[in-house]
Amino acid sequence: MQDYISRLPYLKIDDRIFTITKSGLHHEMDRGCRETGVKRIRIHDLRHSHVSILIEMGFSAVDIANRVGHESVKVTYRYAHMFPNKDLMIAKKLNISRNGEKDEQEEPGSERTFEK
């Protein structure tokens, strides 16, 4: 947070970092949901959605923990069910199949570089 604040040279010691208040944010959420017909969610749910999107985009738990300010990466691993299982990707990258032949779902141009 101090790094962020240091990049705001116009910020005075008693200034708010974020100019919107909690009640203002709630008001805007209510207004936006009313105008669009979208179901109202809690403000904190936006944080969970953000973490979910970062996981889907492939960012590591460490990167996500740093971004959202989790005290420990263990907190981020509460979302473990959302992290993709890497076993299939590892197997495909190693390009190993039972009979040693080219994987039929392999991407073009990724031919084997080893022999049986």
N, C-alpha and C. Protein backbone atom coordinates (compact mmCIF):
# COMPACT_ATOMS: atom_id res chain seq x y z
N MET A 1 0.82 -1.17 0.00
CA MET A 1 0.00 0.00 0.00
C MET A 1 0.88 1.25 0.00
N GLN A 2 1.96 1.20 0.74
CA GLN A 2 2.85 2.35 0.79
C GLN A 2 3.47 2.64 -0.57
N ASP A 3 3.73 1.57 -1.34
CA ASP A 3 4.26 1.75 -2.68
C ASP A 3 3.24 2.50 -3.54
N TYR A 4 1.99 2.12 -3.44
CA TYR A 4 0.92 2.78 -4.19
C TYR A 4 0.82 4.25 -3.78
N ILE A 5 0.80 4.49 -2.49
CA ILE A 5 0.68 5.86 -1.97
C ILE A 5 1.86 6.72 -2.42
N SER A 6 3.05 6.13 -2.48
CA SER A 6 4.23 6.90 -2.88
C SER A 6 4.13 7.37 -4.33
N ARG A 7 3.28 6.73 -5.13
CA ARG A 7 3.10 7.13 -6.53
C ARG A 7 2.01 8.18 -6.69
N LEU A 8 1.50 8.69 -5.58
CA LEU A 8 0.47 9.72 -5.61
C LEU A 8 1.03 11.00 -4.98
N PRO A 9 1.85 11.74 -5.71
CA PRO A 9 2.53 12.88 -5.12
C PRO A 9 1.58 13.99 -4.66
N TYR A 10 0.40 14.05 -5.22
CA TYR A 10 -0.57 15.09 -4.86
C TYR A 10 -1.32 14.76 -3.56
N LEU A 11 -1.16 13.56 -3.05
CA LEU A 11 -1.87 13.12 -1.86
C LEU A 11 -1.27 13.75 -0.61
N LYS A 12 -2.12 14.41 0.16
CA LYS A 12 -1.68 15.01 1.42
C LYS A 12 -1.90 14.01 2.55
N ILE A 13 -1.27 14.24 3.68
CA ILE A 13 -1.27 13.30 4.79
C ILE A 13 -2.68 12.94 5.28
N ASP A 14 -3.63 13.88 5.24
CA ASP A 14 -4.97 13.61 5.73
C ASP A 14 -5.97 13.26 4.62
N ASP A 15 -5.51 13.17 3.38
CA ASP A 15 -6.41 12.86 2.26
C ASP A 15 -6.81 11.39 2.27
N ARG A 16 -7.99 11.15 1.72
CA ARG A 16 -8.44 9.78 1.53
C ARG A 16 -7.72 9.21 0.31
N ILE A 17 -7.34 7.96 0.38
CA ILE A 17 -6.70 7.31 -0.77
C ILE A 17 -7.75 7.03 -1.83
N PHE A 18 -8.88 6.52 -1.40
CA PHE A 18 -9.98 6.22 -2.30
C PHE A 18 -11.07 7.26 -2.04
N THR A 19 -11.49 7.94 -3.07
CA THR A 19 -12.39 9.07 -2.89
C THR A 19 -13.85 8.65 -2.69
N ILE A 20 -14.21 7.45 -3.02
CA ILE A 20 -15.59 7.00 -2.84
C ILE A 20 -15.74 6.39 -1.45
N THR A 21 -16.86 6.66 -0.83
CA THR A 21 -17.14 6.10 0.50
C THR A 21 -17.85 4.76 0.36
N LYS A 22 -17.92 4.02 1.44
CA LYS A 22 -18.62 2.74 1.43
C LYS A 22 -20.09 2.94 1.06
N SER A 23 -20.71 3.95 1.65
CA SER A 23 -22.14 4.19 1.34
C SER A 23 -22.30 4.64 -0.11
N GLY A 24 -21.35 5.41 -0.61
CA GLY A 24 -21.40 5.82 -2.01
C GLY A 24 -21.27 4.64 -2.95
N LEU A 25 -20.40 3.73 -2.60
CA LEU A 25 -20.21 2.53 -3.42
C LEU A 25 -21.48 1.66 -3.39
N HIS A 26 -22.08 1.51 -2.21
CA HIS A 26 -23.34 0.76 -2.10
C HIS A 26 -24.43 1.42 -2.94
N HIS A 27 -24.50 2.74 -2.87
CA HIS A 27 -25.51 3.47 -3.64
C HIS A 27 -25.33 3.22 -5.14
N GLU A 28 -24.09 3.30 -5.62
CA GLU A 28 -23.82 3.08 -7.04
C GLU A 28 -24.10 1.63 -7.46
N MET A 29 -23.78 0.69 -6.58
CA MET A 29 -24.10 -0.72 -6.86
C MET A 29 -25.61 -0.89 -6.99
N ASP A 30 -26.36 -0.33 -6.04
CA ASP A 30 -27.82 -0.42 -6.08
C ASP A 30 -28.38 0.21 -7.35
N ARG A 31 -27.88 1.40 -7.68
CA ARG A 31 -28.35 2.10 -8.87
C ARG A 31 -28.05 1.31 -10.14
N GLY A 32 -26.81 0.83 -10.24
CA GLY A 32 -26.42 0.06 -11.42
C GLY A 32 -27.21 -1.22 -11.58
N CYS A 33 -27.45 -1.90 -10.48
CA CYS A 33 -28.23 -3.15 -10.53
C CYS A 33 -29.68 -2.87 -10.90
N ARG A 34 -30.23 -1.81 -10.35
CA ARG A 34 -31.61 -1.43 -10.65
C ARG A 34 -31.74 -1.10 -12.14
N GLU A 35 -30.80 -0.33 -12.68
CA GLU A 35 -30.87 0.10 -14.08
C GLU A 35 -30.66 -1.05 -15.07
N THR A 36 -29.86 -2.02 -14.68
CA THR A 36 -29.53 -3.12 -15.61
C THR A 36 -30.32 -4.39 -15.37
N GLY A 37 -30.98 -4.47 -14.20
CA GLY A 37 -31.73 -5.68 -13.88
C GLY A 37 -30.84 -6.81 -13.39
N VAL A 38 -29.59 -6.51 -13.08
CA VAL A 38 -28.65 -7.51 -12.59
C VAL A 38 -28.88 -7.72 -11.10
N LYS A 39 -28.80 -8.96 -10.66
CA LYS A 39 -28.98 -9.27 -9.25
C LYS A 39 -27.91 -8.57 -8.40
N ARG A 40 -28.33 -8.01 -7.30
CA ARG A 40 -27.42 -7.30 -6.38
C ARG A 40 -26.55 -8.31 -5.64
N ILE A 41 -25.26 -8.05 -5.59
CA ILE A 41 -24.34 -8.87 -4.81
C ILE A 41 -23.66 -7.99 -3.78
N ARG A 42 -23.01 -8.62 -2.81
CA ARG A 42 -22.26 -7.86 -1.82
C ARG A 42 -21.00 -7.30 -2.47
N ILE A 43 -20.54 -6.17 -1.96
CA ILE A 43 -19.32 -5.55 -2.47
C ILE A 43 -18.15 -6.54 -2.37
N HIS A 44 -18.09 -7.28 -1.26
CA HIS A 44 -17.00 -8.23 -1.05
C HIS A 44 -17.01 -9.33 -2.11
N ASP A 45 -18.18 -9.63 -2.66
CA ASP A 45 -18.26 -10.66 -3.71
C ASP A 45 -17.46 -10.26 -4.95
N LEU A 46 -17.29 -8.96 -5.15
CA LEU A 46 -16.47 -8.50 -6.28
C LEU A 46 -15.03 -8.97 -6.11
N ARG A 47 -14.57 -9.01 -4.87
CA ARG A 47 -13.21 -9.48 -4.59
C ARG A 47 -13.08 -10.95 -4.97
N HIS A 48 -14.08 -11.74 -4.59
CA HIS A 48 -14.05 -13.16 -4.94
C HIS A 48 -14.11 -13.35 -6.46
N SER A 49 -14.93 -12.54 -7.11
CA SER A 49 -15.02 -12.63 -8.57
C SER A 49 -13.68 -12.28 -9.21
N HIS A 50 -13.01 -11.27 -8.67
CA HIS A 50 -11.71 -10.86 -9.21
C HIS A 50 -10.70 -12.00 -9.08
N VAL A 51 -10.66 -12.64 -7.92
CA VAL A 51 -9.74 -13.77 -7.71
C VAL A 51 -10.08 -14.89 -8.68
N SER A 52 -11.36 -15.18 -8.85
CA SER A 52 -11.78 -16.24 -9.78
C SER A 52 -11.34 -15.95 -11.20
N ILE A 53 -11.48 -14.70 -11.61
CA ILE A 53 -11.06 -14.31 -12.97
C ILE A 53 -9.55 -14.46 -13.12
N LEU A 54 -8.79 -14.06 -12.12
CA LEU A 54 -7.33 -14.19 -12.19
C LEU A 54 -6.91 -15.65 -12.28
N ILE A 55 -7.60 -16.52 -11.55
CA ILE A 55 -7.31 -17.96 -11.62
C ILE A 55 -7.60 -18.46 -13.03
N GLU A 56 -8.75 -18.08 -13.56
CA GLU A 56 -9.14 -18.50 -14.91
C GLU A 56 -8.15 -18.01 -15.96
N MET A 57 -7.55 -16.84 -15.71
CA MET A 57 -6.57 -16.28 -16.65
C MET A 57 -5.21 -16.96 -16.52
N GLY A 58 -5.05 -17.83 -15.51
CA GLY A 58 -3.82 -18.60 -15.38
C GLY A 58 -2.76 -18.03 -14.47
N PHE A 59 -3.10 -17.02 -13.68
CA PHE A 59 -2.11 -16.46 -12.75
C PHE A 59 -1.87 -17.41 -11.60
N SER A 60 -0.68 -17.38 -11.04
CA SER A 60 -0.33 -18.28 -9.95
C SER A 60 -0.96 -17.80 -8.65
N ALA A 61 -1.07 -18.72 -7.70
CA ALA A 61 -1.63 -18.40 -6.39
C ALA A 61 -0.80 -17.32 -5.70
N VAL A 62 0.51 -17.37 -5.89
CA VAL A 62 1.39 -16.37 -5.27
C VAL A 62 1.11 -14.99 -5.85
N ASP A 63 1.00 -14.91 -7.18
CA ASP A 63 0.71 -13.62 -7.81
C ASP A 63 -0.63 -13.06 -7.35
N ILE A 64 -1.62 -13.93 -7.26
CA ILE A 64 -2.96 -13.51 -6.84
C ILE A 64 -2.93 -13.04 -5.39
N ALA A 65 -2.25 -13.80 -4.53
CA ALA A 65 -2.16 -13.43 -3.11
C ALA A 65 -1.52 -12.06 -2.96
N ASN A 66 -0.48 -11.80 -3.72
CA ASN A 66 0.18 -10.50 -3.67
C ASN A 66 -0.75 -9.38 -4.14
N ARG A 67 -1.49 -9.64 -5.20
CA ARG A 67 -2.37 -8.61 -5.76
C ARG A 67 -3.50 -8.24 -4.83
N VAL A 68 -4.15 -9.24 -4.24
CA VAL A 68 -5.33 -8.94 -3.41
C VAL A 68 -5.00 -8.77 -1.94
N GLY A 69 -3.73 -8.92 -1.59
CA GLY A 69 -3.30 -8.65 -0.23
C GLY A 69 -3.57 -9.75 0.77
N HIS A 70 -3.64 -10.98 0.29
CA HIS A 70 -3.78 -12.09 1.24
C HIS A 70 -2.53 -12.16 2.11
N GLU A 71 -2.74 -12.36 3.38
CA GLU A 71 -1.62 -12.40 4.32
C GLU A 71 -0.68 -13.57 4.01
N SER A 72 -1.27 -14.63 3.50
CA SER A 72 -0.50 -15.82 3.16
C SER A 72 -1.10 -16.43 1.90
N VAL A 73 -0.28 -17.11 1.12
CA VAL A 73 -0.79 -17.79 -0.07
C VAL A 73 -1.78 -18.89 0.32
N LYS A 74 -1.72 -19.34 1.58
CA LYS A 74 -2.67 -20.35 2.06
C LYS A 74 -4.11 -19.85 1.95
N VAL A 75 -4.29 -18.56 2.15
CA VAL A 75 -5.63 -17.98 2.01
C VAL A 75 -6.09 -18.12 0.57
N THR A 76 -5.21 -17.87 -0.37
CA THR A 76 -5.54 -17.98 -1.80
C THR A 76 -5.89 -19.43 -2.15
N TYR A 77 -5.24 -20.38 -1.50
CA TYR A 77 -5.52 -21.79 -1.80
C TYR A 77 -6.89 -22.23 -1.31
N ARG A 78 -7.63 -21.35 -0.64
CA ARG A 78 -9.03 -21.66 -0.34
C ARG A 78 -9.83 -21.77 -1.64
N TYR A 79 -9.27 -21.19 -2.69
CA TYR A 79 -9.87 -21.26 -4.01
C TYR A 79 -9.31 -22.44 -4.80
N ALA A 80 -8.68 -23.39 -4.12
CA ALA A 80 -7.97 -24.49 -4.78
C ALA A 80 -8.84 -25.24 -5.77
N HIS A 81 -10.12 -25.38 -5.47
CA HIS A 81 -11.01 -26.10 -6.37
C HIS A 81 -11.14 -25.41 -7.72
N MET A 82 -10.73 -24.16 -7.79
CA MET A 82 -10.84 -23.42 -9.04
C MET A 82 -9.57 -23.48 -9.88
N PHE A 83 -8.45 -23.82 -9.25
CA PHE A 83 -7.21 -23.93 -10.00
C PHE A 83 -7.28 -25.16 -10.88
N PRO A 84 -6.92 -25.03 -12.15
CA PRO A 84 -7.03 -26.17 -13.06
C PRO A 84 -6.07 -27.28 -12.68
N ASN A 85 -6.51 -28.50 -12.95
CA ASN A 85 -5.65 -29.65 -12.73
C ASN A 85 -4.62 -29.66 -13.85
N LYS A 86 -3.37 -29.64 -13.50
CA LYS A 86 -2.30 -29.50 -14.49
C LYS A 86 -1.82 -30.83 -15.05
N ASP A 87 -2.32 -31.97 -14.52
CA ASP A 87 -1.82 -33.27 -14.97
C ASP A 87 -1.97 -33.47 -16.48
N LEU A 88 -3.13 -33.15 -17.03
CA LEU A 88 -3.35 -33.34 -18.46
C LEU A 88 -2.42 -32.45 -19.28
N MET A 89 -2.25 -31.22 -18.85
CA MET A 89 -1.37 -30.30 -19.56
C MET A 89 0.07 -30.81 -19.51
N ILE A 90 0.49 -31.31 -18.37
CA ILE A 90 1.86 -31.83 -18.23
C ILE A 90 2.05 -33.01 -19.17
N ALA A 91 1.08 -33.92 -19.19
CA ALA A 91 1.18 -35.10 -20.06
C ALA A 91 1.25 -34.69 -21.52
N LYS A 92 0.42 -33.73 -21.92
CA LYS A 92 0.44 -33.28 -23.31
C LYS A 92 1.76 -32.62 -23.66
N LYS A 93 2.29 -31.83 -22.73
CA LYS A 93 3.57 -31.16 -23.00
C LYS A 93 4.71 -32.17 -23.11
N LEU A 94 4.63 -33.20 -22.34
CA LEU A 94 5.65 -34.24 -22.44
C LEU A 94 5.43 -35.11 -23.67
N ASN A 95 4.22 -35.01 -24.21
CA ASN A 95 3.86 -35.73 -25.44
C ASN A 95 4.06 -37.23 -25.30
N ILE A 96 3.56 -37.75 -24.23
CA ILE A 96 3.69 -39.18 -23.96
C ILE A 96 2.33 -39.85 -24.12
N SER A 97 2.30 -40.93 -24.86
CA SER A 97 1.09 -41.73 -24.94
C SER A 97 1.47 -43.19 -24.72
N ARG A 98 0.48 -44.02 -24.47
CA ARG A 98 0.77 -45.43 -24.15
C ARG A 98 1.58 -46.13 -25.24
N ASN A 99 1.21 -45.90 -26.49
CA ASN A 99 1.90 -46.63 -27.56
C ASN A 99 3.06 -45.87 -28.16
N GLY A 100 3.36 -44.70 -27.61
CA GLY A 100 4.51 -43.95 -28.08
C GLY A 100 4.28 -43.23 -29.38
N GLU A 101 3.04 -43.25 -29.87
CA GLU A 101 2.75 -42.55 -31.12
C GLU A 101 2.26 -41.14 -30.85
N LYS A 102 2.26 -40.35 -31.91
CA LYS A 102 1.84 -38.96 -31.81
C LYS A 102 0.41 -38.87 -31.29
N ASP A 103 0.17 -37.98 -30.35
CA ASP A 103 -1.16 -37.74 -29.80
C ASP A 103 -2.03 -37.14 -30.90
N GLU A 104 -3.19 -37.74 -31.16
CA GLU A 104 -4.05 -37.27 -32.24
C GLU A 104 -4.59 -35.87 -32.00
N GLN A 105 -4.64 -35.42 -30.74
CA GLN A 105 -5.15 -34.10 -30.44
C GLN A 105 -4.03 -33.07 -30.34
N GLU A 106 -2.86 -33.47 -30.74
CA GLU A 106 -1.70 -32.60 -30.66
C GLU A 106 -1.85 -31.42 -31.61
N GLU A 107 -1.36 -30.28 -31.24
CA GLU A 107 -1.43 -29.10 -32.08
C GLU A 107 -0.49 -29.25 -33.27
N PRO A 108 -0.89 -28.75 -34.45
CA PRO A 108 -0.01 -28.81 -35.63
C PRO A 108 1.30 -28.09 -35.36
N GLY A 109 2.37 -28.64 -35.91
CA GLY A 109 3.67 -28.00 -35.76
C GLY A 109 4.39 -28.38 -34.47
N SER A 110 3.77 -29.26 -33.65
CA SER A 110 4.43 -29.64 -32.40
C SER A 110 4.86 -31.11 -32.46
N GLU A 111 5.50 -31.47 -33.57
CA GLU A 111 5.93 -32.85 -33.75
C GLU A 111 6.96 -33.26 -32.70
N ARG A 112 7.04 -34.59 -32.49
CA ARG A 112 8.00 -35.14 -31.53
C ARG A 112 9.43 -34.89 -31.95
N THR A 113 10.26 -34.80 -30.95
CA THR A 113 11.67 -34.65 -31.25
C THR A 113 12.46 -35.84 -30.71
N PHE A 114 11.75 -36.89 -30.32
CA PHE A 114 12.44 -38.09 -29.83
C PHE A 114 11.86 -39.31 -30.52
N GLU A 115 12.60 -40.40 -30.50
CA GLU A 115 12.17 -41.61 -31.16
C GLU A 115 11.74 -42.65 -30.14
N LYS A 116 11.01 -43.69 -30.63
CA LYS A 116 10.57 -44.79 -29.75
C LYS A 116 11.73 -45.55 -29.20
